[in-house]
Amino acid sequence: MDALRAGGMAGSEDNQSDAPQTQDLSRDRQPMSTPAPEWMPEQCRLSYPSWVQRKAVTLCKRDQKRGGTGNVQEYRLAIHAAVLASEGRDHWTGEPLAWELIGTYDNTEAAAGKGAHKKQYAMLPTIDHRSNEPGTDFVICGWRTNDAKHDMTPDELLEFCRAVIAHSPNWRLLQP
């Protein structure tokens, strides 16, 4: 490379000016590390970084199919930030999440266990898009909450919850 610069070849000045910019960009880059938060139970701290990575890959691919433009690194960092912000609780309900369940869900067991199996994982931490748009605006919530919210926006979720609460006194009247 020094020989090319010394030879005065066309574009060598561009190469010299590019080198410091590349170095500056690499210094500004976020670290790849996503260490488990201190509040996380000890037994799941080792599996946490790989859980974040798997979820980032899955969500990024899904969002790209829906028109999203983010990359896995952005998703990974956004998921980690959402986990830290959650302080271990469901964003929408405030309930404590069962962090010891991350990485334990088994599709085969779920198919055999049906609803009973699913209830065991109600407080499994999941990554939820705050809105129904692809992108990295994430919150952490329990699987039950994520399943109920589905693709609702926060305002639609509140409207739905108000309707359920308003109608709930009628449930007792409708029971045999």
N, C-alpha and C. Protein backbone atom coordinates (compact mmCIF):
# COMPACT_ATOMS: atom_id res chain seq x y z
N MET A 1 0.83 -1.18 0.00
CA MET A 1 0.00 0.00 0.00
C MET A 1 0.87 1.24 0.00
N ASP A 2 1.97 1.25 0.81
CA ASP A 2 2.87 2.41 0.83
C ASP A 2 3.47 2.65 -0.55
N ALA A 3 3.76 1.58 -1.28
CA ALA A 3 4.32 1.72 -2.63
C ALA A 3 3.33 2.40 -3.55
N LEU A 4 2.06 2.08 -3.42
CA LEU A 4 1.04 2.72 -4.25
C LEU A 4 0.95 4.21 -3.94
N ARG A 5 0.98 4.55 -2.67
CA ARG A 5 0.90 5.95 -2.28
C ARG A 5 2.13 6.71 -2.76
N ALA A 6 3.27 6.12 -2.61
CA ALA A 6 4.51 6.78 -3.00
C ALA A 6 4.60 6.94 -4.51
N GLY A 7 3.99 6.02 -5.26
CA GLY A 7 4.06 6.06 -6.71
C GLY A 7 3.20 7.13 -7.32
N GLY A 8 2.35 7.76 -6.57
CA GLY A 8 1.53 8.85 -7.08
C GLY A 8 0.49 8.39 -8.08
N MET A 9 0.02 7.16 -7.95
CA MET A 9 -0.98 6.65 -8.87
C MET A 9 -2.27 7.42 -8.70
N ALA A 10 -3.06 7.46 -9.76
CA ALA A 10 -4.34 8.16 -9.70
C ALA A 10 -5.18 7.56 -8.59
N GLY A 11 -5.78 8.42 -7.83
CA GLY A 11 -6.65 7.97 -6.74
C GLY A 11 -5.90 7.71 -5.44
N SER A 12 -4.57 7.84 -5.45
CA SER A 12 -3.84 7.56 -4.22
C SER A 12 -4.17 8.57 -3.13
N GLU A 13 -4.45 9.80 -3.53
CA GLU A 13 -4.83 10.79 -2.52
C GLU A 13 -6.17 10.39 -1.88
N ASP A 14 -7.06 9.87 -2.71
CA ASP A 14 -8.35 9.41 -2.18
C ASP A 14 -8.12 8.27 -1.20
N ASN A 15 -7.18 7.36 -1.51
CA ASN A 15 -6.91 6.25 -0.62
C ASN A 15 -6.37 6.75 0.72
N GLN A 16 -5.50 7.76 0.66
CA GLN A 16 -4.95 8.29 1.89
C GLN A 16 -6.03 8.97 2.72
N SER A 17 -6.92 9.71 2.06
CA SER A 17 -7.95 10.40 2.82
C SER A 17 -9.01 9.42 3.33
N ASP A 18 -9.19 8.29 2.64
CA ASP A 18 -10.16 7.30 3.09
C ASP A 18 -9.70 6.57 4.34
N ALA A 19 -8.41 6.35 4.47
CA ALA A 19 -7.91 5.55 5.60
C ALA A 19 -8.29 6.14 6.95
N PRO A 20 -8.06 7.44 7.19
CA PRO A 20 -8.45 7.98 8.50
C PRO A 20 -9.96 7.93 8.72
N GLN A 21 -10.75 8.15 7.63
CA GLN A 21 -12.20 8.11 7.78
C GLN A 21 -12.64 6.71 8.21
N THR A 22 -12.07 5.70 7.61
CA THR A 22 -12.41 4.32 7.98
C THR A 22 -12.07 4.07 9.44
N GLN A 23 -10.91 4.55 9.87
CA GLN A 23 -10.52 4.38 11.26
C GLN A 23 -11.50 5.11 12.18
N ASP A 24 -11.90 6.33 11.80
CA ASP A 24 -12.84 7.08 12.62
C ASP A 24 -14.17 6.35 12.73
N LEU A 25 -14.64 5.79 11.61
CA LEU A 25 -15.90 5.06 11.63
C LEU A 25 -15.81 3.85 12.54
N SER A 26 -14.69 3.15 12.51
CA SER A 26 -14.59 1.96 13.35
C SER A 26 -14.53 2.33 14.83
N ARG A 27 -13.98 3.51 15.15
CA ARG A 27 -13.95 3.95 16.55
C ARG A 27 -15.35 4.31 17.03
N ASP A 28 -16.19 4.84 16.12
CA ASP A 28 -17.54 5.24 16.48
C ASP A 28 -18.49 4.05 16.57
N ARG A 29 -18.08 2.93 16.05
CA ARG A 29 -18.93 1.75 16.01
C ARG A 29 -19.27 1.26 17.42
N GLN A 30 -20.52 0.81 17.59
CA GLN A 30 -20.96 0.26 18.87
C GLN A 30 -20.28 -1.08 19.09
N PRO A 31 -19.95 -1.44 20.31
CA PRO A 31 -19.34 -2.74 20.56
C PRO A 31 -20.33 -3.86 20.28
N MET A 32 -19.80 -5.03 19.90
CA MET A 32 -20.64 -6.17 19.58
C MET A 32 -21.24 -6.81 20.83
N SER A 33 -20.74 -6.49 21.96
CA SER A 33 -21.13 -7.12 23.21
C SER A 33 -22.52 -6.67 23.66
N THR A 34 -23.32 -7.62 24.09
CA THR A 34 -24.61 -7.32 24.71
C THR A 34 -24.68 -8.10 26.02
N PRO A 35 -23.97 -7.63 27.02
CA PRO A 35 -23.95 -8.36 28.29
C PRO A 35 -25.31 -8.34 28.98
N ALA A 36 -25.61 -9.40 29.68
CA ALA A 36 -26.87 -9.50 30.41
C ALA A 36 -26.92 -8.43 31.50
N PRO A 37 -28.09 -7.84 31.71
CA PRO A 37 -28.23 -6.83 32.78
C PRO A 37 -28.02 -7.47 34.16
N GLU A 38 -27.63 -6.65 35.10
CA GLU A 38 -27.38 -7.12 36.47
C GLU A 38 -28.61 -7.72 37.12
N TRP A 39 -29.80 -7.21 36.79
CA TRP A 39 -31.02 -7.68 37.42
C TRP A 39 -31.46 -9.05 36.89
N MET A 40 -30.87 -9.50 35.79
CA MET A 40 -31.28 -10.77 35.19
C MET A 40 -30.83 -11.94 36.06
N PRO A 41 -31.70 -12.96 36.22
CA PRO A 41 -31.32 -14.12 37.03
C PRO A 41 -30.02 -14.76 36.51
N GLU A 42 -29.21 -15.17 37.44
CA GLU A 42 -27.88 -15.73 37.13
C GLU A 42 -27.95 -16.86 36.11
N GLN A 43 -28.95 -17.75 36.21
CA GLN A 43 -29.00 -18.93 35.37
C GLN A 43 -29.23 -18.62 33.88
N CYS A 44 -29.66 -17.41 33.55
CA CYS A 44 -29.88 -17.10 32.13
C CYS A 44 -28.91 -16.07 31.57
N ARG A 45 -27.98 -15.61 32.36
CA ARG A 45 -27.03 -14.60 31.89
C ARG A 45 -26.14 -15.11 30.77
N LEU A 46 -25.73 -16.37 30.83
CA LEU A 46 -24.86 -16.91 29.79
C LEU A 46 -25.59 -17.07 28.46
N SER A 47 -26.87 -17.39 28.49
CA SER A 47 -27.62 -17.60 27.25
C SER A 47 -28.16 -16.29 26.67
N TYR A 48 -28.14 -15.23 27.45
CA TYR A 48 -28.71 -13.95 27.01
C TYR A 48 -28.11 -13.41 25.71
N PRO A 49 -26.78 -13.30 25.56
CA PRO A 49 -26.25 -12.74 24.31
C PRO A 49 -26.67 -13.52 23.06
N SER A 50 -26.70 -14.84 23.14
CA SER A 50 -27.10 -15.63 21.97
C SER A 50 -28.61 -15.49 21.73
N TRP A 51 -29.39 -15.33 22.79
CA TRP A 51 -30.83 -15.09 22.64
C TRP A 51 -31.06 -13.78 21.89
N VAL A 52 -30.34 -12.73 22.29
CA VAL A 52 -30.47 -11.43 21.62
C VAL A 52 -30.10 -11.56 20.14
N GLN A 53 -29.01 -12.25 19.85
CA GLN A 53 -28.57 -12.43 18.47
C GLN A 53 -29.61 -13.18 17.65
N ARG A 54 -30.13 -14.28 18.18
CA ARG A 54 -31.14 -15.07 17.44
C ARG A 54 -32.38 -14.23 17.16
N LYS A 55 -32.83 -13.50 18.16
CA LYS A 55 -34.02 -12.67 17.98
C LYS A 55 -33.76 -11.55 16.97
N ALA A 56 -32.57 -10.98 16.99
CA ALA A 56 -32.23 -9.91 16.04
C ALA A 56 -32.28 -10.43 14.61
N VAL A 57 -31.70 -11.59 14.38
CA VAL A 57 -31.69 -12.19 13.04
C VAL A 57 -33.12 -12.46 12.58
N THR A 58 -33.91 -13.08 13.44
CA THR A 58 -35.29 -13.44 13.09
C THR A 58 -36.13 -12.20 12.79
N LEU A 59 -36.09 -11.20 13.69
CA LEU A 59 -36.89 -10.00 13.50
C LEU A 59 -36.43 -9.18 12.30
N CYS A 60 -35.14 -9.09 12.09
CA CYS A 60 -34.61 -8.33 10.96
C CYS A 60 -35.07 -8.95 9.64
N LYS A 61 -34.96 -10.27 9.53
CA LYS A 61 -35.41 -10.95 8.30
C LYS A 61 -36.90 -10.74 8.07
N ARG A 62 -37.69 -10.90 9.13
CA ARG A 62 -39.14 -10.72 9.00
C ARG A 62 -39.48 -9.30 8.59
N ASP A 63 -38.83 -8.32 9.23
CA ASP A 63 -39.12 -6.92 8.90
C ASP A 63 -38.67 -6.56 7.49
N GLN A 64 -37.56 -7.12 7.03
CA GLN A 64 -37.11 -6.84 5.67
C GLN A 64 -38.13 -7.34 4.65
N LYS A 65 -38.78 -8.46 4.94
CA LYS A 65 -39.85 -8.96 4.06
C LYS A 65 -41.05 -8.02 4.06
N ARG A 66 -41.19 -7.24 5.12
CA ARG A 66 -42.30 -6.29 5.26
C ARG A 66 -41.90 -4.87 4.88
N GLY A 67 -40.74 -4.71 4.27
CA GLY A 67 -40.30 -3.40 3.82
C GLY A 67 -39.33 -2.69 4.75
N GLY A 68 -38.91 -3.33 5.83
CA GLY A 68 -37.94 -2.73 6.75
C GLY A 68 -36.56 -2.66 6.12
N THR A 69 -35.74 -1.74 6.60
CA THR A 69 -34.42 -1.53 6.01
C THR A 69 -33.27 -1.71 6.99
N GLY A 70 -33.55 -2.08 8.22
CA GLY A 70 -32.49 -2.21 9.24
C GLY A 70 -31.62 -3.43 9.00
N ASN A 71 -30.50 -3.47 9.73
CA ASN A 71 -29.61 -4.63 9.65
C ASN A 71 -29.58 -5.33 11.02
N VAL A 72 -29.00 -6.51 11.05
CA VAL A 72 -28.99 -7.32 12.26
C VAL A 72 -28.30 -6.60 13.42
N GLN A 73 -27.21 -5.89 13.14
CA GLN A 73 -26.51 -5.15 14.20
C GLN A 73 -27.43 -4.11 14.84
N GLU A 74 -28.16 -3.36 14.02
CA GLU A 74 -29.09 -2.36 14.56
C GLU A 74 -30.17 -3.03 15.40
N TYR A 75 -30.67 -4.13 14.91
CA TYR A 75 -31.72 -4.86 15.64
C TYR A 75 -31.18 -5.39 16.96
N ARG A 76 -29.99 -5.95 16.94
CA ARG A 76 -29.40 -6.50 18.15
C ARG A 76 -29.23 -5.42 19.21
N LEU A 77 -28.71 -4.29 18.83
CA LEU A 77 -28.51 -3.19 19.77
C LEU A 77 -29.84 -2.62 20.27
N ALA A 78 -30.85 -2.56 19.39
CA ALA A 78 -32.16 -2.05 19.79
C ALA A 78 -32.85 -3.02 20.75
N ILE A 79 -32.70 -4.32 20.51
CA ILE A 79 -33.28 -5.32 21.42
C ILE A 79 -32.62 -5.21 22.78
N HIS A 80 -31.30 -5.13 22.79
CA HIS A 80 -30.57 -5.02 24.05
C HIS A 80 -31.00 -3.76 24.81
N ALA A 81 -31.13 -2.64 24.11
CA ALA A 81 -31.57 -1.39 24.75
C ALA A 81 -32.98 -1.55 25.33
N ALA A 82 -33.86 -2.24 24.60
CA ALA A 82 -35.23 -2.46 25.10
C ALA A 82 -35.22 -3.34 26.35
N VAL A 83 -34.36 -4.35 26.36
CA VAL A 83 -34.24 -5.22 27.54
C VAL A 83 -33.77 -4.40 28.74
N LEU A 84 -32.74 -3.59 28.55
CA LEU A 84 -32.24 -2.75 29.64
C LEU A 84 -33.33 -1.81 30.15
N ALA A 85 -34.06 -1.20 29.23
CA ALA A 85 -35.13 -0.27 29.61
C ALA A 85 -36.27 -0.97 30.34
N SER A 86 -36.48 -2.24 30.04
CA SER A 86 -37.58 -2.98 30.66
C SER A 86 -37.38 -3.21 32.15
N GLU A 87 -36.13 -3.26 32.57
CA GLU A 87 -35.78 -3.60 33.95
C GLU A 87 -36.44 -4.91 34.37
N GLY A 88 -36.63 -5.80 33.39
CA GLY A 88 -37.16 -7.13 33.66
C GLY A 88 -38.67 -7.24 33.68
N ARG A 89 -39.37 -6.16 33.31
CA ARG A 89 -40.84 -6.15 33.38
C ARG A 89 -41.48 -5.99 32.01
N ASP A 90 -42.72 -6.45 31.91
CA ASP A 90 -43.53 -6.32 30.71
C ASP A 90 -43.83 -4.83 30.49
N HIS A 91 -43.49 -4.32 29.33
CA HIS A 91 -43.69 -2.90 29.03
C HIS A 91 -45.16 -2.50 29.15
N TRP A 92 -46.07 -3.34 28.69
CA TRP A 92 -47.48 -2.98 28.61
C TRP A 92 -48.24 -3.21 29.91
N THR A 93 -47.81 -4.18 30.74
CA THR A 93 -48.57 -4.50 31.96
C THR A 93 -47.80 -4.21 33.24
N GLY A 94 -46.49 -4.09 33.16
CA GLY A 94 -45.67 -3.87 34.34
C GLY A 94 -45.36 -5.14 35.13
N GLU A 95 -45.84 -6.28 34.65
CA GLU A 95 -45.62 -7.54 35.36
C GLU A 95 -44.17 -8.00 35.22
N PRO A 96 -43.64 -8.67 36.24
CA PRO A 96 -42.28 -9.23 36.11
C PRO A 96 -42.27 -10.36 35.09
N LEU A 97 -41.22 -10.41 34.30
CA LEU A 97 -41.09 -11.45 33.28
C LEU A 97 -40.25 -12.61 33.78
N ALA A 98 -40.45 -13.77 33.21
CA ALA A 98 -39.73 -14.99 33.60
C ALA A 98 -38.51 -15.17 32.70
N TRP A 99 -37.45 -14.43 33.01
CA TRP A 99 -36.25 -14.44 32.18
C TRP A 99 -35.58 -15.80 32.14
N GLU A 100 -35.82 -16.63 33.13
CA GLU A 100 -35.23 -17.97 33.12
C GLU A 100 -35.80 -18.83 31.99
N LEU A 101 -36.87 -18.36 31.35
CA LEU A 101 -37.48 -19.12 30.25
C LEU A 101 -36.86 -18.84 28.89
N ILE A 102 -36.02 -17.79 28.78
CA ILE A 102 -35.47 -17.50 27.45
C ILE A 102 -34.65 -18.69 26.95
N GLY A 103 -34.87 -19.00 25.69
CA GLY A 103 -34.15 -20.09 25.06
C GLY A 103 -34.66 -21.48 25.40
N THR A 104 -35.81 -21.57 26.11
CA THR A 104 -36.31 -22.89 26.52
C THR A 104 -37.54 -23.34 25.74
N TYR A 105 -38.15 -22.46 24.96
CA TYR A 105 -39.38 -22.82 24.24
C TYR A 105 -39.06 -23.86 23.18
N ASP A 106 -39.89 -24.89 23.11
CA ASP A 106 -39.70 -25.99 22.16
C ASP A 106 -40.99 -26.16 21.36
N ASN A 107 -40.91 -25.95 20.05
CA ASN A 107 -42.09 -26.05 19.18
C ASN A 107 -42.73 -27.43 19.23
N THR A 108 -41.93 -28.48 19.33
CA THR A 108 -42.47 -29.84 19.38
C THR A 108 -43.29 -30.05 20.64
N GLU A 109 -42.75 -29.61 21.78
CA GLU A 109 -43.49 -29.70 23.04
C GLU A 109 -44.76 -28.86 22.98
N ALA A 110 -44.68 -27.71 22.37
CA ALA A 110 -45.83 -26.81 22.28
C ALA A 110 -46.95 -27.45 21.47
N ALA A 111 -46.61 -28.10 20.38
CA ALA A 111 -47.62 -28.76 19.55
C ALA A 111 -48.32 -29.87 20.31
N ALA A 112 -47.58 -30.58 21.13
CA ALA A 112 -48.16 -31.68 21.91
C ALA A 112 -48.97 -31.16 23.10
N GLY A 113 -48.52 -30.06 23.71
CA GLY A 113 -49.15 -29.56 24.92
C GLY A 113 -50.28 -28.59 24.71
N LYS A 114 -50.40 -28.06 23.50
CA LYS A 114 -51.46 -27.10 23.15
C LYS A 114 -51.53 -25.92 24.12
N GLY A 115 -52.74 -25.55 24.54
CA GLY A 115 -52.96 -24.38 25.38
C GLY A 115 -52.30 -24.44 26.74
N ALA A 116 -52.27 -25.63 27.33
CA ALA A 116 -51.65 -25.76 28.66
C ALA A 116 -50.16 -25.44 28.58
N HIS A 117 -49.52 -25.90 27.53
CA HIS A 117 -48.09 -25.62 27.36
C HIS A 117 -47.87 -24.12 27.16
N LYS A 118 -48.71 -23.52 26.35
CA LYS A 118 -48.58 -22.09 26.06
C LYS A 118 -48.72 -21.25 27.33
N LYS A 119 -49.61 -21.65 28.23
CA LYS A 119 -49.81 -20.91 29.47
C LYS A 119 -48.55 -20.93 30.35
N GLN A 120 -47.77 -22.00 30.27
CA GLN A 120 -46.52 -22.07 31.04
C GLN A 120 -45.54 -20.99 30.60
N TYR A 121 -45.69 -20.52 29.37
CA TYR A 121 -44.78 -19.53 28.80
C TYR A 121 -45.40 -18.14 28.72
N ALA A 122 -46.47 -17.89 29.46
CA ALA A 122 -47.16 -16.60 29.40
C ALA A 122 -46.22 -15.43 29.68
N MET A 123 -45.27 -15.62 30.62
CA MET A 123 -44.38 -14.53 31.00
C MET A 123 -42.99 -14.65 30.37
N LEU A 124 -42.87 -15.49 29.35
CA LEU A 124 -41.63 -15.59 28.57
C LEU A 124 -41.37 -14.23 27.93
N PRO A 125 -40.20 -13.64 28.15
CA PRO A 125 -39.91 -12.34 27.52
C PRO A 125 -39.88 -12.44 26.00
N THR A 126 -40.57 -11.52 25.36
CA THR A 126 -40.57 -11.44 23.90
C THR A 126 -40.29 -10.00 23.49
N ILE A 127 -39.89 -9.85 22.25
CA ILE A 127 -39.62 -8.53 21.70
C ILE A 127 -40.83 -8.11 20.90
N ASP A 128 -41.35 -6.93 21.20
CA ASP A 128 -42.55 -6.43 20.54
C ASP A 128 -42.22 -5.11 19.86
N HIS A 129 -42.72 -4.94 18.64
CA HIS A 129 -42.64 -3.64 17.99
C HIS A 129 -43.62 -2.72 18.72
N ARG A 130 -43.15 -1.55 19.09
CA ARG A 130 -44.02 -0.61 19.80
C ARG A 130 -45.25 -0.29 18.95
N SER A 131 -45.06 -0.14 17.65
CA SER A 131 -46.17 0.08 16.73
C SER A 131 -46.26 -1.15 15.83
N ASN A 132 -47.06 -1.08 14.81
CA ASN A 132 -47.16 -2.21 13.89
C ASN A 132 -46.32 -2.02 12.63
N GLU A 133 -45.34 -1.15 12.70
CA GLU A 133 -44.45 -0.88 11.57
C GLU A 133 -43.13 -1.63 11.74
N PRO A 134 -42.53 -2.11 10.62
CA PRO A 134 -41.21 -2.73 10.74
C PRO A 134 -40.18 -1.69 11.19
N GLY A 135 -39.19 -2.12 11.93
CA GLY A 135 -38.16 -1.21 12.41
C GLY A 135 -37.70 -1.62 13.79
N THR A 136 -36.85 -0.78 14.38
CA THR A 136 -36.19 -1.15 15.64
C THR A 136 -36.74 -0.43 16.87
N ASP A 137 -37.99 -0.02 16.82
CA ASP A 137 -38.61 0.61 17.98
C ASP A 137 -39.26 -0.50 18.81
N PHE A 138 -38.46 -1.13 19.68
CA PHE A 138 -38.89 -2.31 20.41
C PHE A 138 -39.19 -2.02 21.87
N VAL A 139 -40.07 -2.85 22.42
CA VAL A 139 -40.29 -2.95 23.86
C VAL A 139 -40.27 -4.44 24.19
N ILE A 140 -40.11 -4.75 25.46
CA ILE A 140 -40.11 -6.14 25.92
C ILE A 140 -41.41 -6.39 26.67
N CYS A 141 -42.04 -7.51 26.34
CA CYS A 141 -43.27 -7.88 27.03
C CYS A 141 -43.37 -9.39 27.11
N GLY A 142 -44.32 -9.86 27.90
CA GLY A 142 -44.55 -11.29 28.01
C GLY A 142 -45.20 -11.83 26.75
N TRP A 143 -45.01 -13.11 26.54
CA TRP A 143 -45.56 -13.74 25.35
C TRP A 143 -47.08 -13.58 25.31
N ARG A 144 -47.74 -13.74 26.45
CA ARG A 144 -49.19 -13.60 26.53
C ARG A 144 -49.60 -12.20 26.05
N THR A 145 -48.90 -11.18 26.52
CA THR A 145 -49.20 -9.81 26.13
C THR A 145 -48.97 -9.60 24.64
N ASN A 146 -47.84 -10.09 24.15
CA ASN A 146 -47.50 -9.94 22.74
C ASN A 146 -48.53 -10.65 21.87
N ASP A 147 -48.96 -11.81 22.31
CA ASP A 147 -49.96 -12.58 21.57
C ASP A 147 -51.29 -11.81 21.52
N ALA A 148 -51.68 -11.21 22.64
CA ALA A 148 -52.93 -10.46 22.68
C ALA A 148 -52.84 -9.16 21.88
N LYS A 149 -51.71 -8.48 21.98
CA LYS A 149 -51.53 -7.20 21.27
C LYS A 149 -51.43 -7.41 19.78
N HIS A 150 -50.75 -8.45 19.37
CA HIS A 150 -50.53 -8.79 17.97
C HIS A 150 -50.01 -7.57 17.20
N ASP A 151 -50.72 -7.10 16.21
CA ASP A 151 -50.26 -5.98 15.38
C ASP A 151 -50.92 -4.66 15.74
N MET A 152 -51.51 -4.58 16.95
CA MET A 152 -52.15 -3.33 17.34
C MET A 152 -51.12 -2.26 17.65
N THR A 153 -51.49 -1.03 17.37
CA THR A 153 -50.69 0.11 17.82
C THR A 153 -50.96 0.29 19.31
N PRO A 154 -50.15 1.08 20.01
CA PRO A 154 -50.44 1.34 21.42
C PRO A 154 -51.85 1.90 21.65
N ASP A 155 -52.30 2.82 20.79
CA ASP A 155 -53.64 3.39 20.95
C ASP A 155 -54.72 2.34 20.72
N GLU A 156 -54.52 1.48 19.73
CA GLU A 156 -55.49 0.41 19.47
C GLU A 156 -55.53 -0.57 20.64
N LEU A 157 -54.38 -0.86 21.23
CA LEU A 157 -54.33 -1.75 22.39
C LEU A 157 -55.12 -1.15 23.55
N LEU A 158 -54.92 0.12 23.82
CA LEU A 158 -55.66 0.78 24.91
C LEU A 158 -57.16 0.77 24.65
N GLU A 159 -57.55 1.04 23.42
CA GLU A 159 -58.97 1.03 23.06
C GLU A 159 -59.56 -0.37 23.26
N PHE A 160 -58.82 -1.40 22.87
CA PHE A 160 -59.26 -2.78 23.05
C PHE A 160 -59.40 -3.11 24.54
N CYS A 161 -58.40 -2.74 25.33
CA CYS A 161 -58.43 -3.02 26.77
C CYS A 161 -59.61 -2.31 27.44
N ARG A 162 -59.87 -1.08 27.05
CA ARG A 162 -61.01 -0.35 27.60
C ARG A 162 -62.33 -1.06 27.27
N ALA A 163 -62.42 -1.57 26.05
CA ALA A 163 -63.64 -2.29 25.65
C ALA A 163 -63.81 -3.57 26.47
N VAL A 164 -62.71 -4.28 26.71
CA VAL A 164 -62.77 -5.50 27.53
C VAL A 164 -63.20 -5.16 28.94
N ILE A 165 -62.61 -4.14 29.53
CA ILE A 165 -62.95 -3.74 30.90
C ILE A 165 -64.39 -3.26 30.99
N ALA A 166 -64.81 -2.47 30.01
CA ALA A 166 -66.18 -1.96 30.02
C ALA A 166 -67.20 -3.10 29.92
N HIS A 167 -66.86 -4.12 29.18
CA HIS A 167 -67.79 -5.24 28.98
C HIS A 167 -67.67 -6.30 30.07
N SER A 168 -66.62 -6.31 30.83
CA SER A 168 -66.37 -7.38 31.79
C SER A 168 -67.48 -7.61 32.82
N PRO A 169 -68.20 -6.59 33.30
CA PRO A 169 -69.30 -6.88 34.23
C PRO A 169 -70.36 -7.80 33.61
N ASN A 170 -70.49 -7.77 32.30
CA ASN A 170 -71.49 -8.61 31.61
C ASN A 170 -71.08 -10.08 31.58
N TRP A 171 -69.82 -10.37 31.79
CA TRP A 171 -69.36 -11.76 31.72
C TRP A 171 -70.08 -12.62 32.73
N ARG A 172 -70.21 -12.10 33.94
CA ARG A 172 -70.87 -12.88 35.01
C ARG A 172 -72.34 -13.11 34.69
N LEU A 173 -72.94 -12.15 34.03
CA LEU A 173 -74.35 -12.31 33.67
C LEU A 173 -74.55 -13.34 32.57
N LEU A 174 -73.52 -13.51 31.73
CA LEU A 174 -73.63 -14.42 30.60
C LEU A 174 -73.27 -15.86 30.96
N GLN A 175 -72.66 -16.07 32.12
CA GLN A 175 -72.25 -17.42 32.51
C GLN A 175 -73.46 -18.22 32.96
N PRO A 176 -73.49 -19.54 32.62
CA PRO A 176 -74.63 -20.38 33.03
C PRO A 176 -74.67 -20.62 34.53
